[in-house]
Protein backbone atom coordinates (compact mmCIF):
# COMPACT_ATOMS: atom_id res chain seq x y z
CA ASP A 1 1.22 -21.13 17.98
CA VAL A 2 1.76 -17.33 19.58
CA GLU A 3 0.44 -16.59 22.43
CA ARG A 4 0.10 -13.24 23.93
CA LYS A 5 2.29 -12.29 26.82
CA ALA A 6 1.40 -11.75 30.56
CA SER A 7 0.20 -8.21 31.18
CA THR A 8 2.58 -5.54 31.19
CA GLY A 9 0.10 -2.81 33.01
CA LYS A 10 0.85 -0.37 30.18
CA HIS A 11 -2.04 1.19 28.30
CA VAL A 12 -1.65 2.47 24.79
CA ALA A 13 -4.01 4.01 22.26
CA VAL A 14 -3.70 3.29 18.78
CA ILE A 15 -5.42 5.84 16.53
CA GLY A 16 -6.50 4.59 12.90
CA GLY A 17 -7.59 1.60 11.96
CA GLY A 18 -5.57 1.21 9.00
CA PRO A 19 -3.15 -1.32 7.87
CA ALA A 20 0.01 0.90 10.26
CA GLY A 21 -2.41 0.95 13.06
CA VAL A 22 -3.63 -2.55 13.06
CA SER A 23 -0.69 -3.90 12.88
CA ALA A 24 0.50 -1.81 15.72
CA ALA A 25 -2.58 -2.53 18.00
CA TYR A 26 -1.88 -6.46 17.03
CA TYR A 27 1.47 -6.49 17.79
CA LEU A 28 1.33 -4.13 21.05
CA GLY A 29 -1.22 -6.43 22.37
CA MET A 30 0.61 -9.35 21.94
CA LEU A 31 3.43 -8.00 23.99
CA GLY A 32 0.73 -7.56 26.63
CA HIS A 33 -0.21 -4.31 26.76
CA ASP A 34 -3.54 -3.08 26.95
CA VAL A 35 -4.52 -1.86 23.61
CA THR A 36 -7.45 0.43 22.51
CA LEU A 37 -7.98 0.86 18.93
CA PHE A 38 -9.69 4.07 17.78
CA GLU A 39 -11.01 4.37 14.30
CA LYS A 40 -13.51 7.18 12.99
CA GLU A 41 -15.29 5.09 10.50
CA GLU A 42 -17.34 2.32 11.29
CA THR A 43 -15.18 -0.18 9.14
CA LEU A 44 -11.51 -1.14 9.88
CA GLY A 45 -9.24 -1.29 7.00
CA GLY A 46 -8.42 2.33 5.80
CA ALA A 47 -6.30 2.08 2.62
CA MET A 48 -7.16 -1.79 2.51
CA LEU A 49 -10.96 -1.01 3.00
CA TRP A 50 -11.31 1.68 0.46
CA GLY A 51 -8.03 1.51 -1.93
CA ILE A 52 -7.71 -2.59 -2.47
CA PRO A 53 -10.73 -3.15 -5.48
CA LYS A 54 -13.09 -5.95 -4.28
CA TYR A 55 -12.32 -8.33 -6.87
CA ARG A 56 -8.41 -8.46 -5.63
CA LEU A 57 -9.88 -8.04 -1.83
CA PRO A 58 -13.02 -8.92 -0.64
CA LYS A 59 -14.08 -6.90 2.17
CA ASP A 60 -16.16 -9.13 4.51
CA THR A 61 -13.18 -11.50 4.62
CA MET A 62 -10.65 -8.68 5.24
CA VAL A 63 -12.74 -7.08 8.34
CA GLU A 64 -13.15 -11.03 9.22
CA GLU A 65 -9.33 -11.51 8.97
CA LEU A 66 -8.47 -8.19 10.94
CA MET A 67 -11.11 -8.54 14.01
CA ALA A 68 -9.75 -12.05 14.45
CA ARG A 69 -6.21 -10.90 15.12
CA LEU A 70 -7.59 -7.77 17.14
CA THR A 71 -9.47 -10.42 19.17
CA GLU A 72 -6.30 -12.55 19.65
CA ALA A 73 -4.23 -9.73 20.88
CA GLY A 74 -6.89 -8.61 23.42
CA VAL A 75 -7.40 -5.40 21.59
CA LYS A 76 -10.47 -2.96 22.44
CA LEU A 77 -11.56 -1.76 19.25
CA LYS A 78 -13.92 1.82 19.10
CA THR A 79 -15.21 2.70 15.82
CA GLY A 80 -17.01 5.63 14.54
CA THR A 81 -14.71 7.36 17.03
CA ALA A 82 -12.68 10.45 16.29
CA VAL A 83 -9.77 11.68 18.03
CA ASN A 84 -9.63 15.56 18.00
CA ASP A 85 -7.66 16.22 21.17
CA LEU A 86 -4.41 14.01 22.17
CA SER A 87 -3.66 15.64 25.10
CA ALA A 88 -7.10 15.06 26.48
CA LEU A 89 -6.93 11.19 25.59
CA MET A 90 -3.76 11.05 27.15
CA ASP A 91 -5.07 12.13 30.08
CA GLU A 92 -7.29 9.57 30.22
CA GLY A 93 -4.64 7.12 31.37
CA TYR A 94 -2.91 5.90 28.41
CA ASP A 95 0.84 5.50 28.67
CA ALA A 96 1.35 5.91 24.92
CA SER A 97 0.15 6.61 21.47
CA PHE A 98 0.43 5.54 18.28
CA ILE A 99 -0.78 7.88 15.32
CA ALA A 100 -1.76 5.87 12.35
CA ILE A 101 -4.19 8.50 10.52
CA GLY A 102 -2.67 7.81 6.98
CA THR A 103 -3.22 9.74 3.54
CA GLU A 104 -6.83 10.87 2.98
CA LYS A 105 -6.16 13.26 0.23
CA PRO A 106 -4.16 12.52 -2.97
CA ASN A 107 -1.79 14.53 -4.17
CA SER A 108 -2.80 17.70 -6.29
CA MET A 109 -2.06 17.46 -10.21
CA ARG A 110 -1.48 21.47 -9.97
CA CYS A 111 -2.93 21.73 -13.30
CA GLU A 112 -5.68 23.79 -15.49
CA GLY A 113 -8.82 22.14 -15.26
CA GLU A 114 -8.46 19.86 -12.27
CA GLU A 115 -11.35 21.23 -10.60
CA ASN A 116 -13.55 20.58 -13.66
CA GLU A 117 -16.65 18.25 -13.33
CA GLY A 118 -15.66 14.82 -14.91
CA VAL A 119 -12.45 14.91 -13.02
CA ILE A 120 -12.22 12.76 -9.90
CA ASP A 121 -9.57 11.36 -7.45
CA PHE A 122 -8.91 8.02 -7.36
CA VAL A 123 -9.47 8.06 -3.42
CA GLU A 124 -13.24 9.29 -3.79
CA PHE A 125 -13.56 6.97 -6.68
CA LEU A 126 -12.47 3.90 -5.32
CA THR A 127 -14.06 5.03 -1.82
CA ALA A 128 -17.45 5.17 -3.94
CA VAL A 129 -17.07 1.66 -5.30
CA ASN A 130 -15.26 -0.44 -2.83
CA VAL A 131 -17.00 1.12 0.24
CA ARG A 132 -20.22 2.31 -0.77
CA ASN A 133 -20.93 -0.08 -3.21
CA GLU A 134 -21.96 2.68 -6.02
CA SER A 135 -21.28 2.44 -9.51
CA PRO A 136 -20.28 6.04 -10.77
CA GLU A 137 -21.16 7.28 -14.29
CA LEU A 138 -18.01 7.22 -15.80
CA GLY A 139 -19.10 7.66 -19.42
CA ASN A 140 -17.58 5.53 -22.46
CA SER A 141 -13.99 7.02 -21.68
CA VAL A 142 -11.84 7.37 -19.16
CA ALA A 143 -8.76 8.98 -18.71
CA VAL A 144 -6.29 7.51 -15.86
CA ILE A 145 -3.30 9.94 -15.04
CA GLY A 146 -0.51 8.30 -13.29
CA GLY A 147 1.63 5.36 -13.14
CA GLY A 148 1.12 3.71 -9.92
CA ASN A 149 -0.84 0.70 -8.41
CA SER A 150 -3.56 3.00 -7.49
CA ALA A 151 -4.00 4.16 -11.06
CA MET A 152 -3.92 0.39 -12.17
CA ASP A 153 -6.59 0.21 -9.43
CA ALA A 154 -8.79 2.67 -10.94
CA ALA A 155 -7.99 1.73 -14.56
CA ARG A 156 -9.46 -1.70 -13.77
CA THR A 157 -12.11 -0.83 -11.70
CA ALA A 158 -13.55 1.18 -14.26
CA ARG A 159 -13.18 -1.21 -16.68
CA ARG A 160 -15.01 -3.16 -14.87
CA LEU A 161 -17.96 -1.06 -14.25
CA GLY A 162 -18.37 -1.06 -18.19
CA VAL A 163 -16.32 1.81 -19.73
CA ASP A 164 -15.52 1.26 -23.37
CA GLU A 165 -12.10 2.66 -23.17
CA VAL A 166 -10.07 3.51 -20.80
CA THR A 167 -6.32 4.89 -21.24
CA VAL A 168 -3.75 5.19 -18.51
CA TYR A 169 -1.43 8.03 -19.62
CA TYR A 170 2.13 8.06 -17.60
CA ARG A 171 4.51 10.73 -18.40
CA ARG A 172 7.74 8.02 -18.24
CA THR A 173 8.39 4.84 -20.14
CA GLU A 174 6.88 1.55 -19.03
CA GLU A 175 9.48 0.42 -17.75
CA GLU A 176 9.63 3.51 -15.51
CA MET A 177 6.25 2.58 -14.29
CA PRO A 178 6.46 2.24 -10.28
CA ALA A 179 2.98 -0.07 -10.63
CA SER A 180 3.47 -3.66 -10.28
CA LEU A 181 4.30 -5.58 -13.68
CA HIS A 182 1.42 -8.25 -12.13
CA GLU A 183 -0.56 -5.18 -12.11
CA ILE A 184 0.43 -3.56 -15.72
CA HIS A 185 0.10 -6.86 -17.36
CA GLY A 186 -3.22 -7.49 -16.10
CA ALA A 187 -4.90 -4.38 -17.14
CA MET A 188 -3.30 -4.72 -20.47
CA MET A 189 -4.93 -8.10 -20.81
CA GLU A 190 -8.53 -6.62 -19.95
CA GLY A 191 -8.19 -4.22 -22.69
CA ILE A 192 -6.70 -1.16 -20.88
CA ASN A 193 -4.80 1.22 -23.45
CA PHE A 194 -1.61 2.89 -22.05
CA ASP A 195 0.22 6.21 -23.58
CA PHE A 196 3.61 6.26 -22.55
CA LEU A 197 5.75 9.51 -22.25
CA SER A 198 2.70 11.50 -21.81
CA THR A 199 4.03 14.87 -20.36
CA GLN A 200 1.22 17.34 -21.53
CA MET A 201 -2.31 16.62 -21.56
CA ILE A 202 -5.63 19.00 -21.43
CA ILE A 203 -8.43 18.32 -19.05
CA LYS A 204 -11.08 19.61 -20.97
């Protein structure tokens, strides 16, 4: 068994309760530092919480595991607490801080029609389904633009919500898709369509 080292007397603030923040808090705590983890949301997990579909990562299991590791490392947890002034936080007596605030906004496509009704970014979509337990009205046909794992998650989630036709549009070939082969083939087995070498698309 791995045991926590003796206290170093050092205090560390970790800002962000996603994968990076939780990992840093755990290892710093196991090294004997006094760690406080700040997370602005009420639930830990960050991208693991909103981004990984529930069929792949049950959220109750995820939270239980995260809490167990933080307890093991003696980490103090402050959820629902946003840090807006790093200088003020450091003045509270912390010797160091680790900033792990992640990426909350997706990249813009920078194309005409991106702001139209019916266009939704994957962060908002997956958050609605995975965190708020909502079932957004998607209609009978959904186009997913992109070829990474997030695109596969969005496409497979839409299919599970009952959308009849889901098509993934990707600008390069299947071999060049950054998504894992397991996810691509899983999507294909679920009846999701793929349109490769799609460099032009009109969002109506």
